[in-house]
Amino acid sequence: MKNILSLSIEEQNNFNSCVFTQIFSDNKSYAEESDENVADYFIRDFEESPEGWNACFEFSYDEVSTKAKQERKNILINMLVSCGYIPQED
């Protein structure tokens, strides 16, 4: 078995966009009830409990490198943009 930390950041962060979309769909109402911006709600949730997002990725949070962990937040932000929760600048 290959050492996970020897994989590239991209390989450590193989993700399933359908799982992200489902999480957004299932939890959007909680974000709206919190009177917080939906995107801010999900980003804050990730920052407070990044391991809670493990279902979106092939490897668990504690198995990946520090750089891969930082990239996971960027992936989350890009998914929020692609789902329309963060407007794109023209």
C-alpha atoms as a PDB file:
ATOM      1  CA  MET A   1       0.000   0.000   0.000  1.00  0.00           C
ATOM      2  CA  LYS A   2       1.265   3.429  -0.954  1.00  0.00           C
ATOM      3  CA  ASN A   3       1.944   5.991   1.777  1.00  0.00           C
ATOM      4  CA  ILE A   4      -0.888   8.494   1.483  1.00  0.00           C
ATOM      5  CA  LEU A   5       1.367  11.421   2.335  1.00  0.00           C
ATOM      6  CA  SER A   6       3.587  10.596  -0.654  1.00  0.00           C
ATOM      7  CA  LEU A   7       0.651  11.145  -3.021  1.00  0.00           C
ATOM      8  CA  SER A   8       0.246  14.499  -4.753  1.00  0.00           C
ATOM      9  CA  ILE A   9      -2.101  17.047  -3.214  1.00  0.00           C
ATOM     10  CA  GLU A  10      -4.561  16.343  -6.030  1.00  0.00           C
ATOM     11  CA  GLU A  11      -4.473  12.611  -5.287  1.00  0.00           C
ATOM     12  CA  GLN A  12      -4.906  13.223  -1.555  1.00  0.00           C
ATOM     13  CA  ASN A  13      -7.944  15.343  -2.335  1.00  0.00           C
ATOM     14  CA  ASN A  14      -9.845  13.142  -4.763  1.00  0.00           C
ATOM     15  CA  PHE A  15     -13.409  14.225  -4.110  1.00  0.00           C
ATOM     16  CA  ASN A  16     -16.961  13.470  -5.102  1.00  0.00           C
ATOM     17  CA  SER A  17     -18.817  16.614  -6.195  1.00  0.00           C
ATOM     18  CA  CYS A  18     -22.171  14.834  -5.803  1.00  0.00           C
ATOM     19  CA  VAL A  19     -21.503  14.416  -2.077  1.00  0.00           C
ATOM     20  CA  PHE A  20     -20.702  18.133  -1.766  1.00  0.00           C
ATOM     21  CA  THR A  21     -23.911  19.019  -3.589  1.00  0.00           C
ATOM     22  CA  GLN A  22     -25.925  16.701  -1.341  1.00  0.00           C
ATOM     23  CA  ILE A  23     -24.385  18.216   1.808  1.00  0.00           C
ATOM     24  CA  PHE A  24     -25.221  21.710   0.547  1.00  0.00           C
ATOM     25  CA  SER A  25     -28.771  20.661  -0.259  1.00  0.00           C
ATOM     26  CA  ASP A  26     -29.320  18.855   3.047  1.00  0.00           C
ATOM     27  CA  ASN A  27     -27.923  21.664   5.188  1.00  0.00           C
ATOM     28  CA  LYS A  28     -28.906  24.845   3.336  1.00  0.00           C
ATOM     29  CA  SER A  29     -31.926  25.326   5.588  1.00  0.00           C
ATOM     30  CA  TYR A  30     -29.681  25.329   8.688  1.00  0.00           C
ATOM     31  CA  ALA A  31     -27.512  27.986   7.097  1.00  0.00           C
ATOM     32  CA  GLU A  32     -30.550  30.117   6.267  1.00  0.00           C
ATOM     33  CA  GLU A  33     -31.951  29.740   9.791  1.00  0.00           C
ATOM     34  CA  SER A  34     -28.648  30.920  11.246  1.00  0.00           C
ATOM     35  CA  ASP A  35     -29.051  34.293   9.501  1.00  0.00           C
ATOM     36  CA  GLU A  36     -25.550  33.718   8.157  1.00  0.00           C
ATOM     37  CA  ASN A  37     -24.583  33.846   4.498  1.00  0.00           C
ATOM     38  CA  VAL A  38     -24.928  30.289   3.170  1.00  0.00           C
ATOM     39  CA  ALA A  39     -21.364  30.164   1.846  1.00  0.00           C
ATOM     40  CA  ASP A  40     -19.971  31.601   5.096  1.00  0.00           C
ATOM     41  CA  TYR A  41     -21.936  28.988   7.040  1.00  0.00           C
ATOM     42  CA  PHE A  42     -20.359  26.097   5.114  1.00  0.00           C
ATOM     43  CA  ILE A  43     -16.851  27.596   5.207  1.00  0.00           C
ATOM     44  CA  ARG A  44     -17.131  28.169   8.965  1.00  0.00           C
ATOM     45  CA  ASP A  45     -18.401  24.612   9.405  1.00  0.00           C
ATOM     46  CA  PHE A  46     -15.399  23.296   7.487  1.00  0.00           C
ATOM     47  CA  GLU A  47     -12.967  25.423   9.502  1.00  0.00           C
ATOM     48  CA  GLU A  48     -14.487  24.260  12.806  1.00  0.00           C
ATOM     49  CA  SER A  49     -14.740  20.581  11.875  1.00  0.00           C
ATOM     50  CA  PRO A  50     -12.869  19.704   8.654  1.00  0.00           C
ATOM     51  CA  GLU A  51     -12.976  15.994   9.451  1.00  0.00           C
ATOM     52  CA  GLY A  52     -16.770  16.238   9.196  1.00  0.00           C
ATOM     53  CA  TRP A  53     -16.303  16.681   5.446  1.00  0.00           C
ATOM     54  CA  ASN A  54     -14.380  13.400   5.037  1.00  0.00           C
ATOM     55  CA  ALA A  55     -17.307  11.847   3.168  1.00  0.00           C
ATOM     56  CA  CYS A  56     -16.518  14.176   0.270  1.00  0.00           C
ATOM     57  CA  PHE A  57     -12.948  12.948  -0.068  1.00  0.00           C
ATOM     58  CA  GLU A  58     -11.295   9.611  -0.742  1.00  0.00           C
ATOM     59  CA  PHE A  59      -9.001   9.905   2.285  1.00  0.00           C
ATOM     60  CA  SER A  60      -9.868  10.974   5.824  1.00  0.00           C
ATOM     61  CA  TYR A  61      -8.720  14.359   7.076  1.00  0.00           C
ATOM     62  CA  ASP A  62      -6.148  12.991   9.512  1.00  0.00           C
ATOM     63  CA  GLU A  63      -4.429  10.959   6.769  1.00  0.00           C
ATOM     64  CA  VAL A  64      -3.566  13.844   4.428  1.00  0.00           C
ATOM     65  CA  SER A  65      -0.742  16.387   4.464  1.00  0.00           C
ATOM     66  CA  THR A  66      -1.036  19.924   5.773  1.00  0.00           C
ATOM     67  CA  LYS A  67      -0.962  21.321   2.230  1.00  0.00           C
ATOM     68  CA  ALA A  68      -3.714  18.933   1.195  1.00  0.00           C
ATOM     69  CA  LYS A  69      -5.793  20.065   4.175  1.00  0.00           C
ATOM     70  CA  GLN A  70      -5.381  23.691   3.103  1.00  0.00           C
ATOM     71  CA  GLU A  71      -6.394  22.780  -0.441  1.00  0.00           C
ATOM     72  CA  ARG A  72      -9.606  21.152   0.831  1.00  0.00           C
ATOM     73  CA  LYS A  73     -10.904  24.558   1.914  1.00  0.00           C
ATOM     74  CA  ASN A  74     -10.146  25.868  -1.591  1.00  0.00           C
ATOM     75  CA  ILE A  75     -12.055  22.925  -3.067  1.00  0.00           C
ATOM     76  CA  LEU A  76     -15.007  23.717  -0.802  1.00  0.00           C
ATOM     77  CA  ILE A  77     -14.952  27.363  -1.904  1.00  0.00           C
ATOM     78  CA  ASN A  78     -14.795  26.346  -5.579  1.00  0.00           C
ATOM     79  CA  MET A  79     -17.752  24.003  -5.055  1.00  0.00           C
ATOM     80  CA  LEU A  80     -19.710  26.827  -3.390  1.00  0.00           C
ATOM     81  CA  VAL A  81     -18.968  28.999  -6.417  1.00  0.00           C
ATOM     82  CA  SER A  82     -20.018  26.275  -8.858  1.00  0.00           C
ATOM     83  CA  CYS A  83     -23.277  25.713  -6.929  1.00  0.00           C
ATOM     84  CA  GLY A  84     -24.033  29.453  -7.011  1.00  0.00           C
ATOM     85  CA  TYR A  85     -23.592  30.137  -3.287  1.00  0.00           C
ATOM     86  CA  ILE A  86     -20.697  32.512  -3.999  1.00  0.00           C
ATOM     87  CA  PRO A  87     -21.205  34.833  -6.952  1.00  0.00           C
ATOM     88  CA  GLN A  88     -18.533  34.837  -9.626  1.00  0.00           C
ATOM     89  CA  GLU A  89     -16.904  38.097 -10.583  1.00  0.00           C
ATOM     90  CA  ASP A  90     -17.144  38.990 -14.238  1.00  0.00           C
END
